[in-house]
Every structure is written in structure tokens, then in C-alpha cells.
Amino acid sequence: MNLRGRNKISPDFNMSSMTDVVFLLLIFFMIASTLAKQLNTIDVKLPQAKGKTENRSTVAVTIDRSGAFFIDDKKVAKARLQPSLIAQLTQAANKSIVLRAAENVAIEEVVYVMNIANQNGIKIVLAVDAQ
């Protein structure tokens, strides 16, 4: 007399749903790390104005309160600003920079960066904090 039933439970484990979840997590972290890498990490207090001037595909030039110059997050001497900026923009598709100057920076420093941009045909945008 055979007492076994016809419906047998298979002990196999299907991995397809788990690989889908892992793949989606991988895509999420790849996109999140790309966006986080392009954030401006130098803390400066920008002047107040109406509008928004964030464009993540451009090079950021920052002038902090002490008058130090930064290209993206790398400190650059004032004398080396123009060659470093040109070298960085030769690889970029659109030649534009976002100028992030602190509130109390002398206007001469801002004009210095703007002159470099004008001499080399670079589009420049002044970053401000939205009101």
C-alpha cells in the first residue's frame, strides 16, 4: 500500500527575484554616487538673489572668505587659476563655469575670474542663494 501523495513539494529555491532586487539596488547606488560626486563641497555663504544657478555639468570656481580659489574641490593658487581652468575645460563638452564667490569677497577677485572667462570664450554664471 502506497501512502505517498501525488503533490510533492520541490525544495528548489528560485533566485530570479533576488537577482532582480540586487540589480535594482546596484543601479540606484550607481546613480546616487554619480550625483553625490558632483556636489560642491566647499562651504561658502553665497549672496542672496532671486533665481537658481545650479548646473551640475559645469566646472565650479569657488572663492572663499579668505580669498582662496578652488576649481571644483581642489585648491588652486591665483597665478595657476587660468591654466588649470583651461586644462579642465578642454575635456568638457560645454565650456561654462559657475562662479561661487562668498558674500564678503572683494569685487576684484570676482572680476579676475570673469576676465579669465571672457578672454578664453568661456560662459560664466554667478551662483547665488535663492531668497
N, C-alpha and C. Protein backbone atom coordinates (compact mmCIF):
# COMPACT_ATOMS: atom_id res chain seq x y z
N MET A 1 0.82 -1.16 0.00
CA MET A 1 0.00 0.00 0.00
C MET A 1 0.89 1.25 0.00
N ASN A 2 0.68 2.09 -0.99
CA ASN A 2 1.48 3.30 -1.16
C ASN A 2 0.71 4.49 -0.60
N LEU A 3 1.25 5.13 0.49
CA LEU A 3 0.55 6.23 1.15
C LEU A 3 1.06 7.61 0.72
N ARG A 4 2.02 7.66 -0.15
CA ARG A 4 2.53 8.97 -0.59
C ARG A 4 1.52 9.64 -1.51
N GLY A 5 1.42 10.97 -1.38
CA GLY A 5 0.50 11.72 -2.23
C GLY A 5 1.15 12.08 -3.56
N ARG A 6 0.35 12.54 -4.43
CA ARG A 6 0.85 12.92 -5.76
C ARG A 6 1.55 14.28 -5.78
N ASN A 7 1.18 15.19 -4.91
CA ASN A 7 1.77 16.53 -4.89
C ASN A 7 3.03 16.53 -4.03
N LYS A 8 4.13 16.66 -4.69
CA LYS A 8 5.39 16.73 -3.98
C LYS A 8 5.88 18.17 -3.95
N ILE A 9 6.36 18.61 -2.82
CA ILE A 9 6.91 19.96 -2.70
C ILE A 9 8.38 19.91 -3.09
N SER A 10 8.75 20.76 -4.03
CA SER A 10 10.12 20.78 -4.51
C SER A 10 10.98 21.66 -3.61
N PRO A 11 12.13 21.20 -3.15
CA PRO A 11 12.98 22.00 -2.27
C PRO A 11 13.86 23.00 -3.03
N ASP A 12 13.63 23.20 -4.31
CA ASP A 12 14.44 24.15 -5.10
C ASP A 12 14.10 25.58 -4.70
N PHE A 13 15.11 26.45 -4.80
CA PHE A 13 14.95 27.87 -4.46
C PHE A 13 15.16 28.68 -5.73
N ASN A 14 14.21 29.55 -6.06
CA ASN A 14 14.29 30.36 -7.27
C ASN A 14 15.00 31.67 -6.95
N MET A 15 16.11 31.92 -7.64
CA MET A 15 16.94 33.10 -7.36
C MET A 15 16.59 34.30 -8.24
N SER A 16 15.68 34.17 -9.16
CA SER A 16 15.44 35.26 -10.11
C SER A 16 14.91 36.52 -9.44
N SER A 17 14.03 36.40 -8.47
CA SER A 17 13.52 37.60 -7.80
C SER A 17 14.61 38.29 -6.98
N MET A 18 15.49 37.52 -6.38
CA MET A 18 16.58 38.11 -5.60
C MET A 18 17.58 38.83 -6.52
N THR A 19 17.87 38.27 -7.66
CA THR A 19 18.80 38.94 -8.58
C THR A 19 18.18 40.21 -9.13
N ASP A 20 16.86 40.25 -9.32
CA ASP A 20 16.21 41.49 -9.75
C ASP A 20 16.37 42.59 -8.71
N VAL A 21 16.18 42.25 -7.45
CA VAL A 21 16.32 43.23 -6.37
C VAL A 21 17.75 43.73 -6.28
N VAL A 22 18.71 42.83 -6.36
CA VAL A 22 20.12 43.22 -6.29
C VAL A 22 20.49 44.10 -7.48
N PHE A 23 19.99 43.79 -8.65
CA PHE A 23 20.26 44.60 -9.84
C PHE A 23 19.69 46.01 -9.68
N LEU A 24 18.47 46.13 -9.17
CA LEU A 24 17.87 47.45 -8.96
C LEU A 24 18.65 48.25 -7.91
N LEU A 25 19.10 47.61 -6.86
CA LEU A 25 19.92 48.30 -5.86
C LEU A 25 21.23 48.78 -6.44
N LEU A 26 21.83 47.97 -7.29
CA LEU A 26 23.07 48.36 -7.94
C LEU A 26 22.88 49.60 -8.80
N ILE A 27 21.82 49.63 -9.58
CA ILE A 27 21.54 50.80 -10.42
C ILE A 27 21.29 52.03 -9.55
N PHE A 28 20.54 51.87 -8.47
CA PHE A 28 20.26 53.00 -7.59
C PHE A 28 21.54 53.60 -7.01
N PHE A 29 22.43 52.75 -6.50
CA PHE A 29 23.66 53.26 -5.89
C PHE A 29 24.62 53.83 -6.92
N MET A 30 24.60 53.32 -8.14
CA MET A 30 25.45 53.90 -9.18
C MET A 30 24.99 55.31 -9.52
N ILE A 31 23.70 55.52 -9.64
CA ILE A 31 23.17 56.85 -9.95
C ILE A 31 23.38 57.79 -8.77
N ALA A 32 23.13 57.32 -7.57
CA ALA A 32 23.29 58.16 -6.38
C ALA A 32 24.74 58.59 -6.18
N SER A 33 25.68 57.69 -6.43
CA SER A 33 27.09 58.06 -6.26
C SER A 33 27.54 59.04 -7.32
N THR A 34 27.01 58.95 -8.52
CA THR A 34 27.35 59.90 -9.58
C THR A 34 26.86 61.29 -9.23
N LEU A 35 25.64 61.39 -8.71
CA LEU A 35 25.11 62.70 -8.34
C LEU A 35 25.81 63.28 -7.13
N ALA A 36 26.15 62.45 -6.17
CA ALA A 36 26.82 62.94 -4.96
C ALA A 36 28.23 63.41 -5.24
N LYS A 37 28.88 62.82 -6.23
CA LYS A 37 30.26 63.19 -6.55
C LYS A 37 30.34 64.60 -7.12
N GLN A 38 29.29 65.07 -7.78
CA GLN A 38 29.34 66.35 -8.45
C GLN A 38 28.86 67.51 -7.60
N LEU A 39 28.53 67.27 -6.35
CA LEU A 39 28.11 68.35 -5.47
C LEU A 39 29.30 69.21 -5.09
N ASN A 40 29.05 70.48 -4.90
CA ASN A 40 30.11 71.39 -4.46
C ASN A 40 30.31 71.20 -2.97
N THR A 41 31.52 70.87 -2.57
CA THR A 41 31.78 70.53 -1.17
C THR A 41 32.40 71.67 -0.38
N ILE A 42 32.73 72.77 -0.99
CA ILE A 42 33.33 73.90 -0.29
C ILE A 42 32.19 74.78 0.22
N ASP A 43 32.18 75.01 1.51
CA ASP A 43 31.09 75.76 2.13
C ASP A 43 31.38 77.25 2.08
N VAL A 44 30.62 77.96 1.27
CA VAL A 44 30.71 79.42 1.22
C VAL A 44 29.30 79.98 1.35
N LYS A 45 29.19 81.14 1.96
CA LYS A 45 27.90 81.80 2.08
C LYS A 45 27.73 82.69 0.86
N LEU A 46 26.81 82.29 -0.02
CA LEU A 46 26.60 83.00 -1.27
C LEU A 46 25.69 84.20 -1.05
N PRO A 47 25.80 85.21 -1.93
CA PRO A 47 24.90 86.35 -1.82
C PRO A 47 23.46 85.94 -2.11
N GLN A 48 22.51 86.70 -1.56
CA GLN A 48 21.09 86.43 -1.75
C GLN A 48 20.60 87.08 -3.04
N ALA A 49 19.81 86.35 -3.81
CA ALA A 49 19.18 86.88 -5.02
C ALA A 49 18.06 85.96 -5.43
N LYS A 50 17.21 86.44 -6.30
CA LYS A 50 16.13 85.60 -6.81
C LYS A 50 16.67 84.79 -7.98
N GLY A 51 16.31 83.54 -8.04
CA GLY A 51 16.74 82.68 -9.14
C GLY A 51 17.51 81.50 -8.62
N LYS A 52 17.84 80.63 -9.53
CA LYS A 52 18.58 79.41 -9.20
C LYS A 52 19.67 79.23 -10.23
N THR A 53 20.91 78.97 -9.78
CA THR A 53 22.02 78.89 -10.72
C THR A 53 22.81 77.61 -10.56
N GLU A 54 22.16 76.51 -10.22
CA GLU A 54 22.88 75.24 -10.09
C GLU A 54 22.83 74.50 -11.41
N ASN A 55 23.99 74.18 -11.94
CA ASN A 55 24.11 73.38 -13.14
C ASN A 55 25.24 72.40 -12.88
N ARG A 56 24.93 71.13 -12.73
CA ARG A 56 25.91 70.15 -12.28
C ARG A 56 26.88 69.70 -13.37
N SER A 57 26.65 70.07 -14.60
CA SER A 57 27.54 69.61 -15.66
C SER A 57 28.67 70.59 -15.95
N THR A 58 28.76 71.67 -15.19
CA THR A 58 29.80 72.67 -15.43
C THR A 58 30.89 72.57 -14.37
N VAL A 59 31.96 73.31 -14.60
CA VAL A 59 33.05 73.38 -13.63
C VAL A 59 32.73 74.52 -12.66
N ALA A 60 32.95 74.29 -11.38
CA ALA A 60 32.67 75.30 -10.37
C ALA A 60 33.97 75.94 -9.91
N VAL A 61 34.00 77.27 -9.95
CA VAL A 61 35.13 78.03 -9.41
C VAL A 61 34.62 78.71 -8.15
N THR A 62 35.26 78.44 -7.03
CA THR A 62 34.82 78.96 -5.74
C THR A 62 35.89 79.88 -5.17
N ILE A 63 35.43 81.01 -4.63
CA ILE A 63 36.31 81.93 -3.91
C ILE A 63 35.77 82.02 -2.49
N ASP A 64 36.55 81.58 -1.51
CA ASP A 64 36.05 81.59 -0.14
C ASP A 64 36.35 82.93 0.53
N ARG A 65 35.97 83.05 1.79
CA ARG A 65 36.10 84.33 2.51
C ARG A 65 37.54 84.80 2.63
N SER A 66 38.49 83.86 2.68
CA SER A 66 39.89 84.25 2.83
C SER A 66 40.53 84.60 1.48
N GLY A 67 39.80 84.47 0.38
CA GLY A 67 40.33 84.80 -0.93
C GLY A 67 41.00 83.63 -1.63
N ALA A 68 40.85 82.43 -1.11
CA ALA A 68 41.43 81.24 -1.74
C ALA A 68 40.55 80.80 -2.91
N PHE A 69 41.19 80.33 -3.98
CA PHE A 69 40.48 79.89 -5.17
C PHE A 69 40.43 78.36 -5.21
N PHE A 70 39.30 77.83 -5.64
CA PHE A 70 39.11 76.39 -5.78
C PHE A 70 38.48 76.12 -7.14
N ILE A 71 38.97 75.09 -7.81
CA ILE A 71 38.31 74.59 -9.02
C ILE A 71 37.68 73.27 -8.60
N ASP A 72 36.35 73.22 -8.66
CA ASP A 72 35.55 72.14 -8.08
C ASP A 72 35.92 72.03 -6.60
N ASP A 73 36.69 71.04 -6.17
CA ASP A 73 37.04 70.95 -4.76
C ASP A 73 38.55 71.00 -4.53
N LYS A 74 39.31 71.37 -5.56
CA LYS A 74 40.77 71.43 -5.45
C LYS A 74 41.24 72.87 -5.32
N LYS A 75 42.06 73.12 -4.29
CA LYS A 75 42.59 74.47 -4.08
C LYS A 75 43.64 74.77 -5.13
N VAL A 76 43.56 75.98 -5.70
CA VAL A 76 44.46 76.41 -6.77
C VAL A 76 44.98 77.80 -6.42
N ALA A 77 46.26 78.02 -6.65
CA ALA A 77 46.83 79.36 -6.45
C ALA A 77 46.28 80.30 -7.50
N LYS A 78 46.21 81.59 -7.16
CA LYS A 78 45.64 82.58 -8.07
C LYS A 78 46.42 82.63 -9.38
N ALA A 79 47.74 82.49 -9.31
CA ALA A 79 48.56 82.54 -10.53
C ALA A 79 48.32 81.32 -11.42
N ARG A 80 47.92 80.19 -10.85
CA ARG A 80 47.69 78.96 -11.61
C ARG A 80 46.23 78.75 -11.99
N LEU A 81 45.36 79.73 -11.67
CA LEU A 81 43.93 79.57 -11.92
C LEU A 81 43.62 79.45 -13.41
N GLN A 82 44.16 80.35 -14.23
CA GLN A 82 43.84 80.32 -15.66
C GLN A 82 44.31 79.04 -16.35
N PRO A 83 45.58 78.61 -16.20
CA PRO A 83 45.97 77.36 -16.87
C PRO A 83 45.21 76.13 -16.36
N SER A 84 44.94 76.09 -15.07
CA SER A 84 44.20 74.95 -14.51
C SER A 84 42.77 74.92 -15.02
N LEU A 85 42.16 76.09 -15.11
CA LEU A 85 40.79 76.17 -15.60
C LEU A 85 40.69 75.79 -17.07
N ILE A 86 41.62 76.24 -17.87
CA ILE A 86 41.63 75.90 -19.30
C ILE A 86 41.88 74.41 -19.48
N ALA A 87 42.78 73.85 -18.70
CA ALA A 87 43.06 72.41 -18.81
C ALA A 87 41.83 71.59 -18.43
N GLN A 88 41.09 72.04 -17.44
CA GLN A 88 39.89 71.31 -17.02
C GLN A 88 38.78 71.43 -18.06
N LEU A 89 38.67 72.59 -18.71
CA LEU A 89 37.58 72.81 -19.66
C LEU A 89 37.86 72.25 -21.04
N THR A 90 39.10 71.87 -21.34
CA THR A 90 39.37 71.28 -22.65
C THR A 90 38.68 69.93 -22.79
N GLN A 91 38.42 69.25 -21.67
CA GLN A 91 37.75 67.95 -21.70
C GLN A 91 36.23 68.09 -21.67
N ALA A 92 35.71 69.25 -21.30
CA ALA A 92 34.27 69.43 -21.14
C ALA A 92 33.60 69.70 -22.49
N ALA A 93 32.36 69.24 -22.62
CA ALA A 93 31.61 69.44 -23.85
C ALA A 93 31.14 70.90 -23.96
N ASN A 94 30.61 71.44 -22.86
CA ASN A 94 30.20 72.85 -22.87
C ASN A 94 31.17 73.64 -22.01
N LYS A 95 31.72 74.68 -22.56
CA LYS A 95 32.71 75.48 -21.86
C LYS A 95 32.00 76.56 -21.04
N SER A 96 31.62 76.17 -19.83
CA SER A 96 30.97 77.12 -18.93
C SER A 96 31.39 76.81 -17.50
N ILE A 97 31.42 77.87 -16.70
CA ILE A 97 31.77 77.71 -15.28
C ILE A 97 30.71 78.39 -14.42
N VAL A 98 30.59 77.89 -13.21
CA VAL A 98 29.73 78.52 -12.21
C VAL A 98 30.66 79.16 -11.19
N LEU A 99 30.56 80.47 -11.04
CA LEU A 99 31.40 81.22 -10.10
C LEU A 99 30.66 81.32 -8.77
N ARG A 100 31.24 80.71 -7.75
CA ARG A 100 30.67 80.71 -6.40
C ARG A 100 31.57 81.57 -5.52
N ALA A 101 31.22 82.83 -5.34
CA ALA A 101 32.01 83.73 -4.51
C ALA A 101 31.28 83.99 -3.20
N ALA A 102 32.00 83.95 -2.11
CA ALA A 102 31.41 84.24 -0.80
C ALA A 102 30.93 85.68 -0.75
N GLU A 103 30.07 85.97 0.21
CA GLU A 103 29.45 87.30 0.31
C GLU A 103 30.47 88.42 0.45
N ASN A 104 31.50 88.24 1.24
CA ASN A 104 32.42 89.33 1.57
C ASN A 104 33.69 89.34 0.72
N VAL A 105 33.69 88.64 -0.39
CA VAL A 105 34.87 88.61 -1.26
C VAL A 105 34.96 89.94 -2.01
N ALA A 106 36.19 90.43 -2.15
CA ALA A 106 36.40 91.68 -2.87
C ALA A 106 36.01 91.52 -4.34
N ILE A 107 35.45 92.57 -4.90
CA ILE A 107 34.96 92.53 -6.28
C ILE A 107 36.11 92.29 -7.27
N GLU A 108 37.33 92.67 -6.88
CA GLU A 108 38.48 92.47 -7.76
C GLU A 108 38.71 90.99 -8.04
N GLU A 109 38.47 90.14 -7.03
CA GLU A 109 38.66 88.71 -7.20
C GLU A 109 37.62 88.14 -8.18
N VAL A 110 36.40 88.60 -8.06
CA VAL A 110 35.33 88.14 -8.96
C VAL A 110 35.62 88.61 -10.38
N VAL A 111 36.04 89.86 -10.53
CA VAL A 111 36.36 90.39 -11.86
C VAL A 111 37.55 89.66 -12.46
N TYR A 112 38.51 89.24 -11.65
CA TYR A 112 39.66 88.49 -12.13
C TYR A 112 39.21 87.19 -12.80
N VAL A 113 38.30 86.46 -12.16
CA VAL A 113 37.80 85.21 -12.74
C VAL A 113 36.96 85.49 -13.98
N MET A 114 36.17 86.56 -13.95
CA MET A 114 35.34 86.90 -15.11
C MET A 114 36.21 87.29 -16.30
N ASN A 115 37.32 87.97 -16.06
CA ASN A 115 38.24 88.32 -17.15
C ASN A 115 38.86 87.08 -17.77
N ILE A 116 39.22 86.12 -16.95
CA ILE A 116 39.76 84.85 -17.48
C ILE A 116 38.73 84.19 -18.38
N ALA A 117 37.48 84.18 -17.93
CA ALA A 117 36.42 83.57 -18.73
C ALA A 117 36.19 84.32 -20.03
N ASN A 118 36.18 85.64 -19.99
CA ASN A 118 35.95 86.43 -21.20
C ASN A 118 37.10 86.29 -22.19
N GLN A 119 38.33 86.25 -21.72
CA GLN A 119 39.49 86.13 -22.61
C GLN A 119 39.51 84.78 -23.33
N ASN A 120 38.95 83.75 -22.71
CA ASN A 120 39.02 82.41 -23.29
C ASN A 120 37.68 81.94 -23.86
N GLY A 121 36.71 82.81 -23.96
CA GLY A 121 35.42 82.46 -24.54
C GLY A 121 34.63 81.45 -23.71
N ILE A 122 34.71 81.57 -22.40
CA ILE A 122 34.01 80.66 -21.50
C ILE A 122 32.77 81.35 -20.95
N LYS A 123 31.65 80.65 -21.01
CA LYS A 123 30.42 81.18 -20.44
C LYS A 123 30.53 81.10 -18.92
N ILE A 124 30.10 82.18 -18.24
CA ILE A 124 30.21 82.22 -16.78
C ILE A 124 28.85 82.54 -16.17
N VAL A 125 28.53 81.84 -15.09
CA VAL A 125 27.28 82.05 -14.36
C VAL A 125 27.66 82.32 -12.91
N LEU A 126 27.07 83.34 -12.32
CA LEU A 126 27.32 83.68 -10.92
C LEU A 126 26.31 82.96 -10.05
N ALA A 127 26.78 82.14 -9.10
CA ALA A 127 25.91 81.38 -8.20
C ALA A 127 25.45 82.26 -7.06
N VAL A 128 24.17 82.14 -6.71
CA VAL A 128 23.60 82.87 -5.59
C VAL A 128 22.70 81.93 -4.81
N ASP A 129 22.40 82.32 -3.56
CA ASP A 129 21.41 81.61 -2.76
C ASP A 129 20.05 82.18 -3.08
N ALA A 130 19.06 81.31 -3.29
CA ALA A 130 17.71 81.78 -3.58
C ALA A 130 17.10 82.43 -2.34
N GLN A 131 16.34 83.50 -2.55
CA GLN A 131 15.73 84.20 -1.43
C GLN A 131 14.50 83.47 -0.96
